[in-house]
Amino acid sequence: MADNYFDVSRTPMHLGQELQPRILIIAIRVIGDVVLITPLLTLLKKAYPNGYCAVLVDESTSKVLLNNPSINRLIVINRAKSQQEPCWKRGRNWLHLVRDLRKEQFDVVLDLFSGPRSAVLTYFSGAAKRYGEDFRKHGRGFLYSHPIKIKRDRNHLIEQKLELVQTLVGDATLEAGPLELYVTDKEEDDGRRLLGNPPNGYLPRIGLIPSAGSQWRVWPSERFAEIGDALSRSYGAQIVLLGGHDDMSLCHSISDRMQTKSLDLSGQTSLRELIAVLARLDLVISNVTGPMHLASALPRPKVIGLYGAADTVQYAPWSKNTWMLTKGTKNDAYWNQVNYQKDYEYLCRITVADVMDLAQKLLTISK
């Protein structure tokens, strides 16, 4: 093992009489993207119940896939740590990783996002069948034995990735199911502990996720404070502010703006603890961000996603318990060149009254 450059966790390989392929899926992307590939994992497992499936992911998103029964092995790389290391050490770790992949003797590699690093790993994996997207014009197509043109226009991200797996699973089974996250009993207990007992018995618990990976996706913080106060007064709701360490100042400012008391958990949860907390909420109101997709993948909370226009198709909710609130239309969604300022203007057209009206309907359904 290469000085913790990648960590490995294994589950027993499913054995069967029928010889089925050893598949490697490369998904080196952010949280939301990794959540959105979970239906594909289930689809492949259904097609090859006795096969072997490994997934290569970044350390920052690997916890999304813990306990997933469709995965036999997680191979975890740490890009952030690698970038801080000297070139010689990065090269050595890269060779160790390639050697480990080749030892697995994969029959098939699916490079789901076709970045430069993943394309090279796909090529050097030693697999005879190597699938990747062929829409990019950076000379990487030759690294795949099966470069596939993906129709991105008007297609959800999951629909795009289905085109990559179609050859493996066939048209008959080419149907993506729901997003999937798996929470253990212990993690459920962790969620209860972090939220604590409601001060006045049962009351709705509403999570606010006011940050996002891009400043252009962040609905104004004063509106989050206003909607938190309105829901607290109308329903006696406990408002829970959620975010990572980088989001603490934003969440603190919203908590300070609010006239009612909130529970600020920003910077206090690991990724798995965040999932456990989300699983116990009644409603989540969020910008378009990874934690929004995490909440959408869970059975309990109803989710309101605040969208501009650019993401209303490719990253639209893939869940029956998530509602997209936007002032844009599919015709306003951008594909190749995003006008971030225009997208933010669409987002800011969403009013507190818009969010409150939808939240009231969803809380009424929950009763």
Protein backbone atom coordinates (compact mmCIF):
# COMPACT_ATOMS: atom_id res chain seq x y z
CA MET A 1 0.00 0.00 0.00
CA ALA A 2 1.30 3.40 -0.97
CA ASP A 3 1.62 5.35 2.28
CA ASN A 4 -2.15 5.75 2.68
CA TYR A 5 -2.43 7.25 -0.79
CA PHE A 6 -5.38 4.94 -1.21
CA ASP A 7 -7.23 2.95 1.40
CA VAL A 8 -8.99 -0.29 0.66
CA SER A 9 -12.11 -1.83 2.18
CA ARG A 10 -13.37 -5.20 1.00
CA THR A 11 -16.58 -7.14 1.27
CA PRO A 12 -16.78 -10.83 0.39
CA MET A 13 -16.97 -11.55 -3.32
CA HIS A 14 -20.29 -13.00 -4.46
CA LEU A 15 -19.66 -16.46 -5.83
CA GLY A 16 -21.77 -18.22 -8.40
CA GLN A 17 -21.53 -20.96 -10.95
CA GLU A 18 -21.82 -18.59 -13.89
CA LEU A 19 -18.62 -16.76 -14.81
CA GLN A 20 -19.42 -13.04 -14.74
CA PRO A 21 -17.20 -10.02 -15.30
CA ARG A 22 -14.97 -8.20 -12.89
CA ILE A 23 -15.96 -4.55 -13.27
CA LEU A 24 -14.18 -1.40 -12.15
CA ILE A 25 -16.16 1.84 -12.03
CA ILE A 26 -14.13 5.04 -11.84
CA ALA A 27 -16.10 7.91 -10.30
CA ILE A 28 -13.64 10.58 -9.17
CA ARG A 29 -16.12 13.40 -8.62
CA VAL A 30 -17.89 15.49 -5.99
CA ILE A 31 -20.56 14.31 -3.54
CA GLY A 32 -23.62 15.03 -5.67
CA ASP A 33 -22.21 13.19 -8.69
CA VAL A 34 -21.34 10.13 -6.62
CA VAL A 35 -24.84 10.03 -5.11
CA LEU A 36 -26.29 10.17 -8.61
CA ILE A 37 -24.39 7.10 -9.82
CA THR A 38 -25.90 4.82 -7.14
CA PRO A 39 -28.79 3.70 -9.39
CA LEU A 40 -26.22 2.52 -11.94
CA LEU A 41 -24.50 0.37 -9.31
CA THR A 42 -27.81 -1.31 -8.54
CA LEU A 43 -28.48 -1.80 -12.25
CA LEU A 44 -25.13 -3.51 -12.80
CA LYS A 45 -25.62 -5.70 -9.75
CA LYS A 46 -28.99 -6.79 -11.09
CA ALA A 47 -27.46 -7.61 -14.48
CA TYR A 48 -24.49 -9.48 -12.95
CA PRO A 49 -25.56 -10.81 -9.53
CA ASN A 50 -22.50 -13.08 -9.36
CA GLY A 51 -20.07 -10.53 -10.74
CA TYR A 52 -17.48 -8.44 -8.93
CA CYS A 53 -17.73 -4.67 -8.79
CA ALA A 54 -15.09 -2.27 -7.47
CA VAL A 55 -15.50 1.49 -7.38
CA LEU A 56 -12.60 3.95 -7.39
CA VAL A 57 -13.49 7.26 -5.71
CA ASP A 58 -11.87 10.19 -3.98
CA GLU A 59 -11.54 10.14 -0.20
CA SER A 60 -13.80 13.19 0.14
CA THR A 61 -16.76 11.32 -1.36
CA SER A 62 -16.03 7.68 -0.56
CA LYS A 63 -18.25 7.62 2.53
CA VAL A 64 -21.29 8.10 0.30
CA LEU A 65 -20.87 4.50 -0.87
CA LEU A 66 -20.28 2.80 2.49
CA ASN A 67 -22.46 -0.26 3.17
CA ASN A 68 -23.67 -0.36 -0.44
CA PRO A 69 -24.44 -4.04 -1.20
CA SER A 70 -23.76 -3.58 -4.91
CA ILE A 71 -20.07 -2.92 -4.27
CA ASN A 72 -17.44 -5.58 -3.52
CA ARG A 73 -14.55 -3.19 -3.07
CA LEU A 74 -13.95 0.52 -2.60
CA ILE A 75 -10.61 1.85 -3.81
CA VAL A 76 -10.09 5.27 -2.29
CA ILE A 77 -7.58 7.86 -3.48
CA ASN A 78 -6.81 11.13 -1.73
CA ARG A 79 -6.37 13.87 -4.31
CA ALA A 80 -6.03 16.66 -1.75
CA LYS A 81 -3.17 14.90 0.02
CA SER A 82 -1.54 13.96 -3.28
CA GLN A 83 -1.43 17.59 -4.46
CA GLN A 84 0.62 18.52 -1.39
CA GLU A 85 3.24 15.81 -1.92
CA PRO A 86 6.45 16.10 -3.96
CA CYS A 87 6.37 14.92 -7.57
CA TRP A 88 8.48 11.84 -6.91
CA LYS A 89 6.10 10.61 -4.23
CA ARG A 90 3.05 11.27 -6.36
CA GLY A 91 4.63 9.29 -9.17
CA ARG A 92 5.46 6.40 -6.89
CA ASN A 93 1.94 6.32 -5.46
CA TRP A 94 0.50 6.44 -8.96
CA LEU A 95 2.54 3.37 -9.93
CA HIS A 96 1.36 1.57 -6.80
CA LEU A 97 -2.24 2.34 -7.68
CA VAL A 98 -1.85 1.14 -11.28
CA ARG A 99 -0.17 -2.03 -10.05
CA ASP A 100 -3.02 -2.68 -7.63
CA LEU A 101 -5.64 -2.20 -10.36
CA ARG A 102 -3.82 -4.57 -12.70
CA LYS A 103 -3.62 -7.23 -9.99
CA GLU A 104 -7.42 -7.22 -9.83
CA GLN A 105 -7.53 -8.38 -13.49
CA PHE A 106 -10.65 -6.40 -14.34
CA ASP A 107 -12.53 -7.43 -17.45
CA VAL A 108 -14.39 -4.12 -17.79
CA VAL A 109 -13.67 -0.54 -16.73
CA LEU A 110 -16.38 2.13 -16.80
CA ASP A 111 -14.93 5.63 -16.62
CA LEU A 112 -18.11 7.47 -15.73
CA PHE A 113 -16.79 11.04 -15.86
CA SER A 114 -13.88 10.72 -18.29
CA GLY A 115 -11.44 13.17 -16.75
CA PRO A 116 -7.72 13.19 -17.68
CA ARG A 117 -6.62 11.19 -14.63
CA SER A 118 -9.41 8.64 -14.87
CA ALA A 119 -8.92 8.15 -18.62
CA VAL A 120 -5.24 7.27 -18.09
CA LEU A 121 -6.11 4.93 -15.20
CA THR A 122 -8.68 3.26 -17.42
CA TYR A 123 -6.05 2.62 -20.09
CA PHE A 124 -3.42 1.27 -17.71
CA SER A 125 -5.89 -0.90 -15.79
CA GLY A 126 -5.22 -3.75 -18.17
CA ALA A 127 -8.93 -4.33 -18.86
CA ALA A 128 -9.79 -5.46 -22.38
CA LYS A 129 -13.08 -3.53 -22.40
CA ARG A 130 -12.73 0.13 -21.45
CA TYR A 131 -15.74 2.42 -21.70
CA GLY A 132 -15.64 6.21 -21.52
CA GLU A 133 -17.36 9.31 -22.84
CA ASP A 134 -16.34 10.47 -26.28
CA PHE A 135 -17.81 13.98 -26.20
CA ARG A 136 -14.58 15.62 -25.04
CA LYS A 137 -12.12 17.01 -27.60
CA HIS A 138 -8.87 16.58 -25.72
CA GLY A 139 -7.44 13.59 -27.53
CA ARG A 140 -8.36 11.03 -24.85
CA GLY A 141 -10.71 8.90 -26.92
CA PHE A 142 -7.95 6.47 -27.91
CA LEU A 143 -7.55 5.47 -24.25
CA TYR A 144 -10.92 3.69 -24.40
CA SER A 145 -11.62 0.54 -26.39
CA HIS A 146 -15.26 1.66 -26.48
CA PRO A 147 -15.51 5.47 -26.67
CA ILE A 148 -19.22 6.30 -26.52
CA LYS A 149 -20.83 9.54 -27.61
CA ILE A 150 -23.13 10.83 -24.90
CA LYS A 151 -26.18 12.94 -25.59
CA ARG A 152 -25.91 15.61 -22.93
CA ASP A 153 -28.45 18.07 -24.32
CA ARG A 154 -31.80 17.76 -22.47
CA ASN A 155 -30.63 14.70 -20.53
CA HIS A 156 -30.26 14.21 -16.81
CA LEU A 157 -26.80 13.16 -15.60
CA ILE A 158 -28.13 9.69 -14.79
CA GLU A 159 -29.61 9.35 -18.28
CA GLN A 160 -26.24 10.31 -19.74
CA LYS A 161 -24.45 7.64 -17.74
CA LEU A 162 -27.02 5.03 -18.72
CA GLU A 163 -25.67 5.31 -22.25
CA LEU A 164 -22.30 4.11 -20.97
CA VAL A 165 -23.73 0.97 -19.33
CA GLN A 166 -26.25 0.10 -22.03
CA THR A 167 -23.86 -2.30 -23.80
CA LEU A 168 -23.34 -4.18 -20.53
CA VAL A 169 -26.93 -4.45 -19.30
CA GLY A 170 -28.93 -4.30 -22.55
CA ASP A 171 -32.10 -2.41 -23.39
CA ALA A 172 -34.30 -4.83 -21.49
CA THR A 173 -32.89 -3.80 -18.11
CA LEU A 174 -31.83 -0.25 -18.98
CA GLU A 175 -33.90 1.50 -16.32
CA ALA A 176 -32.35 3.45 -13.48
CA GLY A 177 -34.01 3.06 -10.11
CA PRO A 178 -33.90 5.41 -7.11
CA LEU A 179 -30.86 6.92 -5.43
CA GLU A 180 -29.57 4.75 -2.61
CA LEU A 181 -27.79 5.43 0.67
CA TYR A 182 -27.41 2.90 3.46
CA VAL A 183 -27.52 4.05 7.09
CA THR A 184 -26.57 1.65 9.88
CA ASP A 185 -28.35 1.35 13.24
CA LYS A 186 -25.37 2.95 14.95
CA GLU A 187 -25.48 5.88 12.58
CA GLU A 188 -29.18 6.31 13.29
CA ASP A 189 -28.27 6.55 16.98
CA ASP A 190 -25.62 9.15 16.09
CA GLY A 191 -28.30 11.19 14.30
CA ARG A 192 -30.53 11.10 17.38
CA ARG A 193 -27.64 12.15 19.60
CA LEU A 194 -26.65 15.10 17.42
CA LEU A 195 -30.20 16.40 17.15
CA GLY A 196 -31.05 15.80 20.78
CA ASN A 197 -34.58 15.58 22.12
CA PRO A 198 -37.14 18.14 20.95
CA PRO A 199 -37.62 20.76 23.69
CA ASN A 200 -41.43 20.47 23.60
CA GLY A 201 -42.05 16.90 22.56
CA TYR A 202 -42.66 16.16 18.88
CA LEU A 203 -42.24 19.05 16.49
CA PRO A 204 -41.19 19.25 12.86
CA ARG A 205 -37.45 19.30 12.30
CA ILE A 206 -36.43 21.35 9.30
CA GLY A 207 -32.89 21.45 7.94
CA LEU A 208 -31.49 24.46 6.11
CA ILE A 209 -28.46 23.99 3.84
CA PRO A 210 -27.51 27.56 2.92
CA SER A 211 -24.16 26.98 1.21
CA ALA A 212 -23.09 25.35 -2.06
CA GLY A 213 -20.01 24.46 -4.03
CA SER A 214 -20.33 27.67 -6.07
CA GLN A 215 -21.20 31.18 -4.92
CA TRP A 216 -23.60 31.42 -7.88
CA ARG A 217 -25.75 28.67 -6.37
CA VAL A 218 -26.20 30.33 -2.96
CA TRP A 219 -29.65 31.78 -2.27
CA PRO A 220 -29.32 34.97 -0.16
CA SER A 221 -28.58 34.13 3.47
CA GLU A 222 -31.03 36.69 4.87
CA ARG A 223 -33.82 34.78 3.12
CA PHE A 224 -32.76 31.54 4.79
CA ALA A 225 -32.98 33.35 8.12
CA GLU A 226 -36.41 34.71 7.25
CA ILE A 227 -37.79 31.34 6.15
CA GLY A 228 -36.35 29.74 9.29
CA ASP A 229 -38.16 32.23 11.50
CA ALA A 230 -41.41 31.88 9.55
CA LEU A 231 -41.43 28.08 9.81
CA SER A 232 -40.45 28.18 13.46
CA ARG A 233 -43.32 30.54 14.31
CA SER A 234 -45.92 28.80 12.13
CA TYR A 235 -45.15 25.20 13.10
CA GLY A 236 -43.04 25.40 16.24
CA ALA A 237 -40.39 23.78 14.07
CA GLN A 238 -36.86 23.13 15.20
CA ILE A 239 -34.59 24.74 12.59
CA VAL A 240 -31.30 22.88 12.00
CA LEU A 241 -28.47 24.63 10.13
CA LEU A 242 -26.18 22.24 8.27
CA GLY A 243 -22.84 22.64 6.51
CA GLY A 244 -19.16 21.80 6.63
CA HIS A 245 -16.27 23.65 8.26
CA ASP A 246 -16.09 26.13 5.39
CA ASP A 247 -19.79 26.94 5.88
CA MET A 248 -19.63 27.75 9.58
CA SER A 249 -19.44 31.53 9.23
CA LEU A 250 -22.41 31.56 6.85
CA CYS A 251 -24.50 29.36 9.16
CA HIS A 252 -23.50 31.43 12.19
CA SER A 253 -24.58 34.62 10.44
CA ILE A 254 -27.97 33.08 9.62
CA SER A 255 -28.38 31.91 13.21
CA ASP A 256 -27.55 35.43 14.44
CA ARG A 257 -30.09 36.97 12.05
CA MET A 258 -32.87 34.68 13.20
CA GLN A 259 -35.16 35.89 15.95
CA THR A 260 -36.08 32.34 16.91
CA LYS A 261 -33.63 29.80 18.24
CA SER A 262 -31.96 27.36 15.83
CA LEU A 263 -29.65 24.36 16.19
CA ASP A 264 -26.42 25.09 14.33
CA LEU A 265 -24.59 21.86 13.45
CA SER A 266 -22.32 23.37 10.82
CA GLY A 267 -18.77 22.03 11.08
CA GLN A 268 -19.83 19.49 13.70
CA THR A 269 -20.65 16.48 11.55
CA SER A 270 -18.67 14.06 9.45
CA LEU A 271 -20.20 13.10 6.12
CA ARG A 272 -21.77 9.96 7.58
CA GLU A 273 -23.08 11.92 10.58
CA LEU A 274 -24.58 14.47 8.21
CA ILE A 275 -26.39 11.66 6.39
CA ALA A 276 -27.65 10.33 9.73
CA VAL A 277 -28.98 13.77 10.71
CA LEU A 278 -30.66 14.29 7.33
CA ALA A 279 -32.36 10.90 7.71
CA ARG A 280 -34.19 12.16 10.82
CA LEU A 281 -35.47 15.46 9.45
CA ASP A 282 -38.99 16.12 8.22
CA LEU A 283 -38.06 18.74 5.64
CA VAL A 284 -34.83 20.03 4.08
CA ILE A 285 -34.52 23.33 2.23
CA SER A 286 -31.30 23.53 0.27
CA ASN A 287 -29.34 25.09 -2.53
CA VAL A 288 -28.26 22.74 -5.34
CA THR A 289 -25.36 21.00 -3.65
CA GLY A 290 -24.11 17.56 -2.64
CA PRO A 291 -25.98 17.42 0.69
CA MET A 292 -29.23 18.20 -1.17
CA HIS A 293 -28.72 15.03 -3.23
CA LEU A 294 -27.84 13.13 -0.04
CA ALA A 295 -31.16 14.17 1.49
CA SER A 296 -32.97 13.21 -1.72
CA ALA A 297 -31.53 9.70 -1.51
CA LEU A 298 -33.02 9.08 1.94
CA PRO A 299 -36.59 7.87 2.53
CA ARG A 300 -37.71 10.30 5.23
CA PRO A 301 -37.11 14.00 4.61
CA LYS A 302 -39.03 15.89 1.99
CA VAL A 303 -36.62 18.15 0.15
CA ILE A 304 -36.98 21.55 -1.50
CA GLY A 305 -34.14 22.32 -3.91
CA LEU A 306 -33.57 25.97 -4.83
CA TYR A 307 -32.48 26.12 -8.48
CA GLY A 308 -31.37 28.83 -10.83
CA ALA A 309 -31.72 27.61 -14.41
CA ALA A 310 -28.49 25.87 -15.47
CA ASP A 311 -29.04 22.72 -13.37
CA THR A 312 -32.78 22.26 -13.88
CA VAL A 313 -32.27 19.30 -16.25
CA GLN A 314 -28.83 17.74 -15.76
CA TYR A 315 -28.99 17.91 -11.95
CA ALA A 316 -32.76 17.92 -11.47
CA PRO A 317 -34.02 15.93 -8.46
CA TRP A 318 -34.00 12.17 -9.06
CA SER A 319 -36.36 11.42 -6.23
CA LYS A 320 -40.08 11.40 -5.49
CA ASN A 321 -39.48 13.18 -2.19
CA THR A 322 -37.70 16.19 -3.72
CA TRP A 323 -39.30 19.26 -5.25
CA MET A 324 -37.40 21.64 -7.51
CA LEU A 325 -38.25 25.30 -6.93
CA THR A 326 -37.08 27.49 -9.79
CA LYS A 327 -38.04 30.50 -11.89
CA GLY A 328 -36.28 29.01 -14.89
CA THR A 329 -37.51 26.56 -17.51
CA LYS A 330 -35.88 23.74 -19.45
CA ASN A 331 -35.35 26.20 -22.27
CA ASP A 332 -33.30 28.34 -19.89
CA ALA A 333 -30.99 25.47 -18.92
CA TYR A 334 -27.47 25.97 -20.22
CA TRP A 335 -25.33 23.19 -21.62
CA ASN A 336 -21.90 24.24 -22.80
CA GLN A 337 -21.40 27.80 -21.62
CA VAL A 338 -23.06 28.71 -18.33
CA ASN A 339 -23.87 32.35 -17.74
CA TYR A 340 -23.33 32.31 -13.99
CA GLN A 341 -24.59 35.82 -13.40
CA LYS A 342 -27.82 35.08 -15.26
CA ASP A 343 -28.18 31.80 -13.41
CA TYR A 344 -27.83 33.60 -10.07
CA GLU A 345 -30.46 36.12 -11.13
CA TYR A 346 -32.89 33.27 -11.75
CA LEU A 347 -32.09 31.86 -8.30
CA CYS A 348 -32.71 35.21 -6.62
CA ARG A 349 -36.15 35.47 -8.21
CA ILE A 350 -37.27 32.77 -5.77
CA THR A 351 -38.92 34.61 -2.88
CA VAL A 352 -39.39 33.65 0.75
CA ALA A 353 -43.12 33.46 0.03
CA ASP A 354 -42.46 30.92 -2.74
CA VAL A 355 -40.49 28.70 -0.38
CA MET A 356 -43.00 29.14 2.44
CA ASP A 357 -45.95 28.18 0.23
CA LEU A 358 -44.27 24.95 -0.88
CA ALA A 359 -43.00 24.14 2.62
CA GLN A 360 -46.51 24.52 4.03
CA LYS A 361 -47.91 22.08 1.46
CA LEU A 362 -45.20 19.51 2.18
CA LEU A 363 -45.54 19.79 5.96
CA THR A 364 -49.29 19.31 5.60
CA ILE A 365 -48.68 16.13 3.58
CA SER A 366 -46.32 14.89 6.31
CA LYS A 367 -49.01 15.04 8.98
